[in-house]
Amino acid sequence: EENILNRQEQADHLQYLANQKALIEGMTLEQREQLMYGDILRQLAQRLQWSHNNLPIHARTVQDAVCEVFSLLFEGSQDAVFFIIHSQFLKEIVILIGEDIPTEEVKLIHLQGIHHLTENGGQYDCFKIFNHGVDKSVAKVLKSTDQEVVEISVSIILKIINCKIRVDKTNQSQLYSVLERDGVIHALCQDILMREEVKEKMKNDVAISLGSLFTIGKISQQVRQAVIIQLKKGLISKDKDIMKKSFSYSFKQHSYYSNLIPKNEQR
């Protein structure tokens, strides 16, 4: 009986989501933003809450449909960012990605809404997104063998980190500690910088972001070495922006660590 009830609830949720998708597809951006100020985010959050407590056989199709509706709803919107980051929905999607879905089952559709959020949000919005633990939940996805999924995950994480650095320059040591505690630093190092099949552009972007944290003095030898190796590669990149930033952070790390070593010990 419980199984029958779950299937019926699943069918009801899917019907609601299909109706919302059809409605949203015919809307302008302004109309979609007005819809977000209504009840729809609460409805989407409730369906994710339902999915957390059900087996994947019932939950996954609902989760996919929720993410698809949210992505369609939010795409291109800037005005609704503040509303979304203070909604229950964001908390539920963090649980979905971080806990519910196994790494290899995470698809683009699960991440596109959050990607829209980080791309359209301002610096202080990303600060709030960081506080929700979005980067931590997405970091596990870096192990995926789907390179498109990895690419969008890196984009989300780096956007959050870079915004946090710009907004809160005085607390970079605390930022690094949180990123390290949450496994984000390890994931970026092991699953991006040290992984052969990852695109060089992605590796360069990660090295530059982590390189900006060099001067806090807490970076482990393994991470520091991986970053330095990639920054050196960035020095000969055809992308002038990457080359310039790689040079800047290579110089900073050299200057910083040289100053830590007594002159009589330097070669």
C-alpha atoms as a PDB file:
ATOM      1  CA  GLU A   1       0.000   0.000   0.000  1.00  0.00           C
ATOM      2  CA  GLU A   2       2.847   2.380   0.829  1.00  0.00           C
ATOM      3  CA  ASN A   3       4.396   1.684  -2.571  1.00  0.00           C
ATOM      4  CA  ILE A   4       1.104   2.432  -4.314  1.00  0.00           C
ATOM      5  CA  LEU A   5       0.774   5.672  -2.328  1.00  0.00           C
ATOM      6  CA  ASN A   6       4.313   6.716  -3.279  1.00  0.00           C
ATOM      7  CA  ARG A   7       3.603   6.055  -6.948  1.00  0.00           C
ATOM      8  CA  GLN A   8       0.416   8.096  -6.763  1.00  0.00           C
ATOM      9  CA  GLU A   9       2.200  10.974  -5.043  1.00  0.00           C
ATOM     10  CA  GLN A  10       4.971  10.740  -7.631  1.00  0.00           C
ATOM     11  CA  ALA A  11       2.415  10.936 -10.442  1.00  0.00           C
ATOM     12  CA  ASP A  12       0.718  13.937  -8.817  1.00  0.00           C
ATOM     13  CA  HIS A  13       4.038  15.763  -8.412  1.00  0.00           C
ATOM     14  CA  LEU A  14       5.075  15.027 -11.991  1.00  0.00           C
ATOM     15  CA  GLN A  15       1.742  16.279 -13.307  1.00  0.00           C
ATOM     16  CA  TYR A  16       2.077  19.529 -11.356  1.00  0.00           C
ATOM     17  CA  LEU A  17       5.646  20.005 -12.601  1.00  0.00           C
ATOM     18  CA  ALA A  18       4.695  19.253 -16.211  1.00  0.00           C
ATOM     19  CA  ASN A  19       1.945  21.868 -15.994  1.00  0.00           C
ATOM     20  CA  GLN A  20       4.350  24.432 -14.551  1.00  0.00           C
ATOM     21  CA  LYS A  21       6.935  23.697 -17.227  1.00  0.00           C
ATOM     22  CA  ALA A  22       4.385  24.211 -20.001  1.00  0.00           C
ATOM     23  CA  LEU A  23       3.259  27.460 -18.387  1.00  0.00           C
ATOM     24  CA  ILE A  24       6.788  28.819 -17.903  1.00  0.00           C
ATOM     25  CA  GLU A  25       7.921  28.001 -21.436  1.00  0.00           C
ATOM     26  CA  GLY A  26       5.412  30.520 -22.776  1.00  0.00           C
ATOM     27  CA  MET A  27       6.366  33.310 -20.376  1.00  0.00           C
ATOM     28  CA  THR A  28       8.542  36.378 -20.726  1.00  0.00           C
ATOM     29  CA  LEU A  29      11.347  37.004 -18.224  1.00  0.00           C
ATOM     30  CA  GLU A  30       9.220  39.572 -16.415  1.00  0.00           C
ATOM     31  CA  GLN A  31       6.343  37.115 -16.119  1.00  0.00           C
ATOM     32  CA  ARG A  32       8.671  34.410 -14.810  1.00  0.00           C
ATOM     33  CA  GLU A  33      10.040  36.771 -12.181  1.00  0.00           C
ATOM     34  CA  GLN A  34       6.529  37.639 -11.057  1.00  0.00           C
ATOM     35  CA  LEU A  35       5.789  33.930 -10.771  1.00  0.00           C
ATOM     36  CA  MET A  36       8.819  33.473  -8.511  1.00  0.00           C
ATOM     37  CA  TYR A  37       7.479  36.082  -6.119  1.00  0.00           C
ATOM     38  CA  GLY A  38       4.402  33.914  -5.695  1.00  0.00           C
ATOM     39  CA  ASP A  39       4.112  30.396  -4.330  1.00  0.00           C
ATOM     40  CA  ILE A  40       6.097  28.378  -6.850  1.00  0.00           C
ATOM     41  CA  LEU A  41       9.424  28.239  -4.988  1.00  0.00           C
ATOM     42  CA  ARG A  42       7.653  26.921  -1.906  1.00  0.00           C
ATOM     43  CA  GLN A  43       5.917  24.320  -4.063  1.00  0.00           C
ATOM     44  CA  LEU A  44       9.215  23.237  -5.608  1.00  0.00           C
ATOM     45  CA  ALA A  45      10.857  23.074  -2.178  1.00  0.00           C
ATOM     46  CA  GLN A  46       8.054  20.879  -0.862  1.00  0.00           C
ATOM     47  CA  ARG A  47       8.515  18.441  -3.725  1.00  0.00           C
ATOM     48  CA  LEU A  48      12.228  18.198  -3.016  1.00  0.00           C
ATOM     49  CA  GLN A  49      11.452  17.623   0.660  1.00  0.00           C
ATOM     50  CA  TRP A  50       9.143  14.798  -0.381  1.00  0.00           C
ATOM     51  CA  SER A  51      11.889  13.334  -2.563  1.00  0.00           C
ATOM     52  CA  HIS A  52      14.448  13.315   0.269  1.00  0.00           C
ATOM     53  CA  ASN A  53      12.325  10.752   2.092  1.00  0.00           C
ATOM     54  CA  ASN A  54      11.584   8.445  -0.829  1.00  0.00           C
ATOM     55  CA  LEU A  55      13.515   5.812  -2.717  1.00  0.00           C
ATOM     56  CA  PRO A  56      15.273   6.916  -5.916  1.00  0.00           C
ATOM     57  CA  ILE A  57      12.860   4.845  -8.002  1.00  0.00           C
ATOM     58  CA  HIS A  58      10.126   7.283  -6.982  1.00  0.00           C
ATOM     59  CA  ALA A  59      12.170  10.372  -6.191  1.00  0.00           C
ATOM     60  CA  ARG A  60      14.567  10.826  -9.094  1.00  0.00           C
ATOM     61  CA  THR A  61      12.070  11.710 -11.798  1.00  0.00           C
ATOM     62  CA  VAL A  62      10.490  14.274  -9.488  1.00  0.00           C
ATOM     63  CA  GLN A  63      13.906  15.717  -8.592  1.00  0.00           C
ATOM     64  CA  ASP A  64      14.834  15.992 -12.262  1.00  0.00           C
ATOM     65  CA  ALA A  65      11.551  17.704 -13.078  1.00  0.00           C
ATOM     66  CA  VAL A  66      11.894  20.159 -10.176  1.00  0.00           C
ATOM     67  CA  CYS A  67      15.386  21.139 -11.328  1.00  0.00           C
ATOM     68  CA  GLU A  68      14.210  21.542 -14.915  1.00  0.00           C
ATOM     69  CA  VAL A  69      11.338  23.803 -13.869  1.00  0.00           C
ATOM     70  CA  PHE A  70      13.627  25.884 -11.653  1.00  0.00           C
ATOM     71  CA  SER A  71      16.219  26.252 -14.413  1.00  0.00           C
ATOM     72  CA  LEU A  72      13.571  27.410 -16.897  1.00  0.00           C
ATOM     73  CA  LEU A  73      12.004  29.694 -14.319  1.00  0.00           C
ATOM     74  CA  PHE A  74      15.180  31.436 -13.245  1.00  0.00           C
ATOM     75  CA  GLU A  75      17.251  31.564 -16.445  1.00  0.00           C
ATOM     76  CA  GLY A  76      18.476  35.081 -17.166  1.00  0.00           C
ATOM     77  CA  SER A  77      16.902  36.626 -14.081  1.00  0.00           C
ATOM     78  CA  GLN A  78      18.827  38.998 -11.840  1.00  0.00           C
ATOM     79  CA  ASP A  79      16.013  40.619  -9.907  1.00  0.00           C
ATOM     80  CA  ALA A  80      14.904  37.347  -8.291  1.00  0.00           C
ATOM     81  CA  VAL A  81      18.340  36.327  -6.964  1.00  0.00           C
ATOM     82  CA  PHE A  82      17.845  37.880  -3.533  1.00  0.00           C
ATOM     83  CA  PHE A  83      14.464  36.200  -3.193  1.00  0.00           C
ATOM     84  CA  ILE A  84      15.838  32.776  -4.115  1.00  0.00           C
ATOM     85  CA  ILE A  85      18.865  32.803  -1.825  1.00  0.00           C
ATOM     86  CA  HIS A  86      16.584  33.541   1.113  1.00  0.00           C
ATOM     87  CA  SER A  87      14.117  30.799   0.189  1.00  0.00           C
ATOM     88  CA  GLN A  88      13.789  27.268   1.510  1.00  0.00           C
ATOM     89  CA  PHE A  89      14.233  26.017  -2.030  1.00  0.00           C
ATOM     90  CA  LEU A  90      17.968  26.757  -2.083  1.00  0.00           C
ATOM     91  CA  LYS A  91      18.450  24.762   1.111  1.00  0.00           C
ATOM     92  CA  GLU A  92      16.613  21.814  -0.416  1.00  0.00           C
ATOM     93  CA  ILE A  93      18.594  21.808  -3.653  1.00  0.00           C
ATOM     94  CA  VAL A  94      21.845  21.875  -1.651  1.00  0.00           C
ATOM     95  CA  ILE A  95      20.660  18.707   0.120  1.00  0.00           C
ATOM     96  CA  LEU A  96      19.639  17.206  -3.220  1.00  0.00           C
ATOM     97  CA  ILE A  97      23.063  17.631  -4.819  1.00  0.00           C
ATOM     98  CA  GLY A  98      25.162  17.083  -1.720  1.00  0.00           C
ATOM     99  CA  GLU A  99      23.329  14.118  -0.205  1.00  0.00           C
ATOM    100  CA  ASP A 100      20.566  12.629  -2.336  1.00  0.00           C
ATOM    101  CA  ILE A 101      22.098  12.036  -5.746  1.00  0.00           C
ATOM    102  CA  PRO A 102      25.221   9.865  -6.189  1.00  0.00           C
ATOM    103  CA  THR A 103      28.072  11.666  -7.957  1.00  0.00           C
ATOM    104  CA  GLU A 104      27.783   9.799 -11.242  1.00  0.00           C
ATOM    105  CA  GLU A 105      24.044  10.433 -11.397  1.00  0.00           C
ATOM    106  CA  VAL A 106      24.329  14.212 -11.099  1.00  0.00           C
ATOM    107  CA  LYS A 107      23.384  15.734 -14.450  1.00  0.00           C
ATOM    108  CA  LEU A 108      23.541  19.202 -15.958  1.00  0.00           C
ATOM    109  CA  ILE A 109      19.878  19.780 -15.192  1.00  0.00           C
ATOM    110  CA  HIS A 110      20.560  19.421 -11.459  1.00  0.00           C
ATOM    111  CA  LEU A 111      23.202  22.163 -11.581  1.00  0.00           C
ATOM    112  CA  GLN A 112      21.936  24.651 -14.137  1.00  0.00           C
ATOM    113  CA  GLY A 113      19.662  26.508 -11.725  1.00  0.00           C
ATOM    114  CA  ILE A 114      22.487  27.052  -9.235  1.00  0.00           C
ATOM    115  CA  HIS A 115      24.756  28.044 -12.101  1.00  0.00           C
ATOM    116  CA  HIS A 116      22.229  30.686 -13.176  1.00  0.00           C
ATOM    117  CA  LEU A 117      22.153  31.851  -9.561  1.00  0.00           C
ATOM    118  CA  THR A 118      25.919  32.340  -9.288  1.00  0.00           C
ATOM    119  CA  GLU A 119      26.168  33.908 -12.741  1.00  0.00           C
ATOM    120  CA  ASN A 120      23.385  36.420 -12.163  1.00  0.00           C
ATOM    121  CA  GLY A 121      24.019  37.168  -8.511  1.00  0.00           C
ATOM    122  CA  GLY A 122      26.190  39.999  -7.279  1.00  0.00           C
ATOM    123  CA  GLN A 123      29.177  39.690  -4.981  1.00  0.00           C
ATOM    124  CA  TYR A 124      27.139  39.806  -1.793  1.00  0.00           C
ATOM    125  CA  ASP A 125      24.672  37.290  -3.218  1.00  0.00           C
ATOM    126  CA  CYS A 126      27.546  34.843  -3.702  1.00  0.00           C
ATOM    127  CA  PHE A 127      28.537  35.519  -0.097  1.00  0.00           C
ATOM    128  CA  LYS A 128      25.102  34.282   0.975  1.00  0.00           C
ATOM    129  CA  ILE A 129      25.286  31.340  -1.417  1.00  0.00           C
ATOM    130  CA  PHE A 130      28.608  30.372   0.193  1.00  0.00           C
ATOM    131  CA  ASN A 131      26.963  30.450   3.615  1.00  0.00           C
ATOM    132  CA  HIS A 132      24.375  27.956   2.360  1.00  0.00           C
ATOM    133  CA  GLY A 133      27.180  25.475   1.609  1.00  0.00           C
ATOM    134  CA  VAL A 134      26.547  25.357  -2.128  1.00  0.00           C
ATOM    135  CA  ASP A 135      30.263  25.000  -2.900  1.00  0.00           C
ATOM    136  CA  LYS A 136      30.565  22.078  -0.472  1.00  0.00           C
ATOM    137  CA  SER A 137      27.641  20.191  -2.011  1.00  0.00           C
ATOM    138  CA  VAL A 138      28.856  20.788  -5.563  1.00  0.00           C
ATOM    139  CA  ALA A 139      32.483  19.831  -4.777  1.00  0.00           C
ATOM    140  CA  LYS A 140      31.642  16.126  -4.671  1.00  0.00           C
ATOM    141  CA  VAL A 141      30.518  16.357  -8.295  1.00  0.00           C
ATOM    142  CA  LEU A 142      34.078  17.151  -9.427  1.00  0.00           C
ATOM    143  CA  LYS A 143      34.733  13.399  -9.410  1.00  0.00           C
ATOM    144  CA  SER A 144      32.182  12.904 -12.177  1.00  0.00           C
ATOM    145  CA  THR A 145      33.316  11.413 -15.476  1.00  0.00           C
ATOM    146  CA  ASP A 146      30.914  13.725 -17.323  1.00  0.00           C
ATOM    147  CA  GLN A 147      33.131  16.637 -18.334  1.00  0.00           C
ATOM    148  CA  GLU A 148      30.205  18.995 -18.928  1.00  0.00           C
ATOM    149  CA  VAL A 149      29.003  18.352 -15.391  1.00  0.00           C
ATOM    150  CA  VAL A 150      32.521  18.908 -14.045  1.00  0.00           C
ATOM    151  CA  GLU A 151      32.885  22.123 -16.024  1.00  0.00           C
ATOM    152  CA  ILE A 152      29.680  23.681 -14.716  1.00  0.00           C
ATOM    153  CA  SER A 153      30.551  22.533 -11.175  1.00  0.00           C
ATOM    154  CA  VAL A 154      33.959  24.217 -11.349  1.00  0.00           C
ATOM    155  CA  SER A 155      32.319  27.374 -12.660  1.00  0.00           C
ATOM    156  CA  ILE A 156      29.893  27.437  -9.712  1.00  0.00           C
ATOM    157  CA  ILE A 157      32.595  26.833  -7.104  1.00  0.00           C
ATOM    158  CA  LEU A 158      35.086  29.344  -8.493  1.00  0.00           C
ATOM    159  CA  LYS A 159      32.439  32.032  -8.862  1.00  0.00           C
ATOM    160  CA  ILE A 160      31.571  31.621  -5.188  1.00  0.00           C
ATOM    161  CA  ILE A 161      35.207  31.561  -4.041  1.00  0.00           C
ATOM    162  CA  ASN A 162      36.243  34.552  -6.140  1.00  0.00           C
ATOM    163  CA  CYS A 163      33.268  36.604  -4.976  1.00  0.00           C
ATOM    164  CA  LYS A 164      34.003  35.683  -1.364  1.00  0.00           C
ATOM    165  CA  ILE A 165      37.623  36.790  -1.785  1.00  0.00           C
ATOM    166  CA  ARG A 166      36.592  40.148  -3.248  1.00  0.00           C
ATOM    167  CA  VAL A 167      33.877  40.813  -0.671  1.00  0.00           C
ATOM    168  CA  ASP A 168      35.774  39.723   2.433  1.00  0.00           C
ATOM    169  CA  LYS A 169      39.465  40.383   1.823  1.00  0.00           C
ATOM    170  CA  THR A 170      40.302  40.553   5.534  1.00  0.00           C
ATOM    171  CA  ASN A 171      39.135  37.008   6.322  1.00  0.00           C
ATOM    172  CA  GLN A 172      40.872  34.936   3.649  1.00  0.00           C
ATOM    173  CA  SER A 173      42.472  32.730   6.280  1.00  0.00           C
ATOM    174  CA  GLN A 174      39.028  31.824   7.595  1.00  0.00           C
ATOM    175  CA  LEU A 175      37.803  31.278   4.038  1.00  0.00           C
ATOM    176  CA  TYR A 176      40.611  28.835   3.329  1.00  0.00           C
ATOM    177  CA  SER A 177      39.945  26.990   6.594  1.00  0.00           C
ATOM    178  CA  VAL A 178      36.269  26.548   5.716  1.00  0.00           C
ATOM    179  CA  LEU A 179      37.049  25.437   2.154  1.00  0.00           C
ATOM    180  CA  GLU A 180      39.593  22.960   3.477  1.00  0.00           C
ATOM    181  CA  ARG A 181      37.257  21.659   6.184  1.00  0.00           C
ATOM    182  CA  ASP A 182      34.452  21.172   3.667  1.00  0.00           C
ATOM    183  CA  GLY A 183      36.696  19.257   1.261  1.00  0.00           C
ATOM    184  CA  VAL A 184      36.485  21.895  -1.470  1.00  0.00           C
ATOM    185  CA  ILE A 185      40.247  22.533  -1.616  1.00  0.00           C
ATOM    186  CA  HIS A 186      40.992  18.808  -1.731  1.00  0.00           C
ATOM    187  CA  ALA A 187      38.427  18.252  -4.493  1.00  0.00           C
ATOM    188  CA  LEU A 188      39.771  21.107  -6.623  1.00  0.00           C
ATOM    189  CA  CYS A 189      43.310  19.801  -6.208  1.00  0.00           C
ATOM    190  CA  GLN A 190      42.717  16.061  -6.635  1.00  0.00           C
ATOM    191  CA  ASP A 191      39.850  16.069  -9.107  1.00  0.00           C
ATOM    192  CA  ILE A 192      40.841  19.045 -11.261  1.00  0.00           C
ATOM    193  CA  LEU A 193      44.495  20.076 -10.976  1.00  0.00           C
ATOM    194  CA  MET A 194      45.855  16.530 -10.706  1.00  0.00           C
ATOM    195  CA  ARG A 195      43.491  14.854 -13.157  1.00  0.00           C
ATOM    196  CA  GLU A 196      44.875  14.306 -16.640  1.00  0.00           C
ATOM    197  CA  GLU A 197      41.665  14.396 -18.659  1.00  0.00           C
ATOM    198  CA  VAL A 198      40.545  17.786 -17.323  1.00  0.00           C
ATOM    199  CA  LYS A 199      40.844  20.694 -19.766  1.00  0.00           C
ATOM    200  CA  GLU A 200      43.827  23.005 -19.274  1.00  0.00           C
ATOM    201  CA  LYS A 201      41.570  26.070 -19.226  1.00  0.00           C
ATOM    202  CA  MET A 202      39.707  24.646 -16.249  1.00  0.00           C
ATOM    203  CA  LYS A 203      42.943  23.773 -14.468  1.00  0.00           C
ATOM    204  CA  ASN A 204      44.273  27.267 -15.081  1.00  0.00           C
ATOM    205  CA  ASP A 205      41.138  28.860 -13.650  1.00  0.00           C
ATOM    206  CA  VAL A 206      41.356  26.701 -10.520  1.00  0.00           C
ATOM    207  CA  ALA A 207      45.074  27.416 -10.054  1.00  0.00           C
ATOM    208  CA  ILE A 208      44.494  31.157 -10.362  1.00  0.00           C
ATOM    209  CA  SER A 209      41.677  31.109  -7.795  1.00  0.00           C
ATOM    210  CA  LEU A 210      43.663  29.037  -5.320  1.00  0.00           C
ATOM    211  CA  GLY A 211      46.761  31.097  -6.104  1.00  0.00           C
ATOM    212  CA  SER A 212      44.952  34.167  -4.840  1.00  0.00           C
ATOM    213  CA  LEU A 213      44.889  32.500  -1.410  1.00  0.00           C
ATOM    214  CA  PHE A 214      48.629  31.797  -1.303  1.00  0.00           C
ATOM    215  CA  THR A 215      49.543  34.567   1.096  1.00  0.00           C
ATOM    216  CA  ILE A 216      47.469  33.231   3.971  1.00  0.00           C
ATOM    217  CA  GLY A 217      50.267  30.778   4.734  1.00  0.00           C
ATOM    218  CA  LYS A 218      48.116  27.720   5.492  1.00  0.00           C
ATOM    219  CA  ILE A 219      48.127  25.947   2.156  1.00  0.00           C
ATOM    220  CA  SER A 220      49.441  22.395   2.310  1.00  0.00           C
ATOM    221  CA  GLN A 221      52.541  21.375   0.391  1.00  0.00           C
ATOM    222  CA  GLN A 222      50.549  19.132  -1.961  1.00  0.00           C
ATOM    223  CA  VAL A 223      48.054  21.834  -2.891  1.00  0.00           C
ATOM    224  CA  ARG A 224      50.740  24.496  -3.192  1.00  0.00           C
ATOM    225  CA  GLN A 225      52.811  22.287  -5.487  1.00  0.00           C
ATOM    226  CA  ALA A 226      49.834  21.445  -7.713  1.00  0.00           C
ATOM    227  CA  VAL A 227      48.912  25.123  -7.987  1.00  0.00           C
ATOM    228  CA  ILE A 228      52.475  26.208  -8.776  1.00  0.00           C
ATOM    229  CA  ILE A 229      52.824  23.588 -11.511  1.00  0.00           C
ATOM    230  CA  GLN A 230      49.617  24.776 -13.157  1.00  0.00           C
ATOM    231  CA  LEU A 231      50.467  28.463 -12.778  1.00  0.00           C
ATOM    232  CA  LYS A 232      53.737  27.803 -14.607  1.00  0.00           C
ATOM    233  CA  LYS A 233      51.776  26.195 -17.426  1.00  0.00           C
ATOM    234  CA  GLY A 234      49.507  29.226 -17.451  1.00  0.00           C
ATOM    235  CA  LEU A 235      52.500  31.459 -18.139  1.00  0.00           C
ATOM    236  CA  ILE A 236      52.622  30.127 -21.695  1.00  0.00           C
ATOM    237  CA  SER A 237      48.859  30.077 -22.245  1.00  0.00           C
ATOM    238  CA  LYS A 238      47.508  31.615 -25.442  1.00  0.00           C
ATOM    239  CA  ASP A 239      44.814  33.229 -23.311  1.00  0.00           C
ATOM    240  CA  LYS A 240      46.317  36.587 -22.332  1.00  0.00           C
ATOM    241  CA  ASP A 241      44.140  36.933 -19.239  1.00  0.00           C
ATOM    242  CA  ILE A 242      45.237  33.523 -17.945  1.00  0.00           C
ATOM    243  CA  MET A 243      48.869  34.312 -18.751  1.00  0.00           C
ATOM    244  CA  LYS A 244      48.695  37.653 -16.917  1.00  0.00           C
ATOM    245  CA  LYS A 245      47.003  36.230 -13.819  1.00  0.00           C
ATOM    246  CA  SER A 246      49.300  33.197 -13.758  1.00  0.00           C
ATOM    247  CA  PHE A 247      52.308  35.501 -13.797  1.00  0.00           C
ATOM    248  CA  SER A 248      50.824  37.673 -11.059  1.00  0.00           C
ATOM    249  CA  TYR A 249      50.107  34.799  -8.674  1.00  0.00           C
ATOM    250  CA  SER A 250      53.351  32.993  -9.511  1.00  0.00           C
ATOM    251  CA  PHE A 251      55.215  36.167  -8.559  1.00  0.00           C
ATOM    252  CA  LYS A 252      53.166  36.604  -5.375  1.00  0.00           C
ATOM    253  CA  GLN A 253      53.735  33.065  -4.180  1.00  0.00           C
ATOM    254  CA  HIS A 254      57.454  33.290  -4.942  1.00  0.00           C
ATOM    255  CA  SER A 255      57.764  36.583  -3.063  1.00  0.00           C
ATOM    256  CA  TYR A 256      55.706  35.382  -0.125  1.00  0.00           C
ATOM    257  CA  TYR A 257      57.472  32.094   0.452  1.00  0.00           C
ATOM    258  CA  SER A 258      60.890  33.616  -0.184  1.00  0.00           C
ATOM    259  CA  ASN A 259      60.218  36.051   2.643  1.00  0.00           C
ATOM    260  CA  LEU A 260      59.343  33.180   4.972  1.00  0.00           C
ATOM    261  CA  ILE A 261      62.755  31.548   4.491  1.00  0.00           C
ATOM    262  CA  PRO A 262      65.789  33.142   6.169  1.00  0.00           C
ATOM    263  CA  LYS A 263      68.172  34.578   3.585  1.00  0.00           C
ATOM    264  CA  ASN A 264      71.012  32.288   4.673  1.00  0.00           C
ATOM    265  CA  GLU A 265      68.791  29.296   3.836  1.00  0.00           C
ATOM    266  CA  GLN A 266      67.759  30.550   0.402  1.00  0.00           C
ATOM    267  CA  ARG A 267      69.631  29.260  -2.611  1.00  0.00           C
END
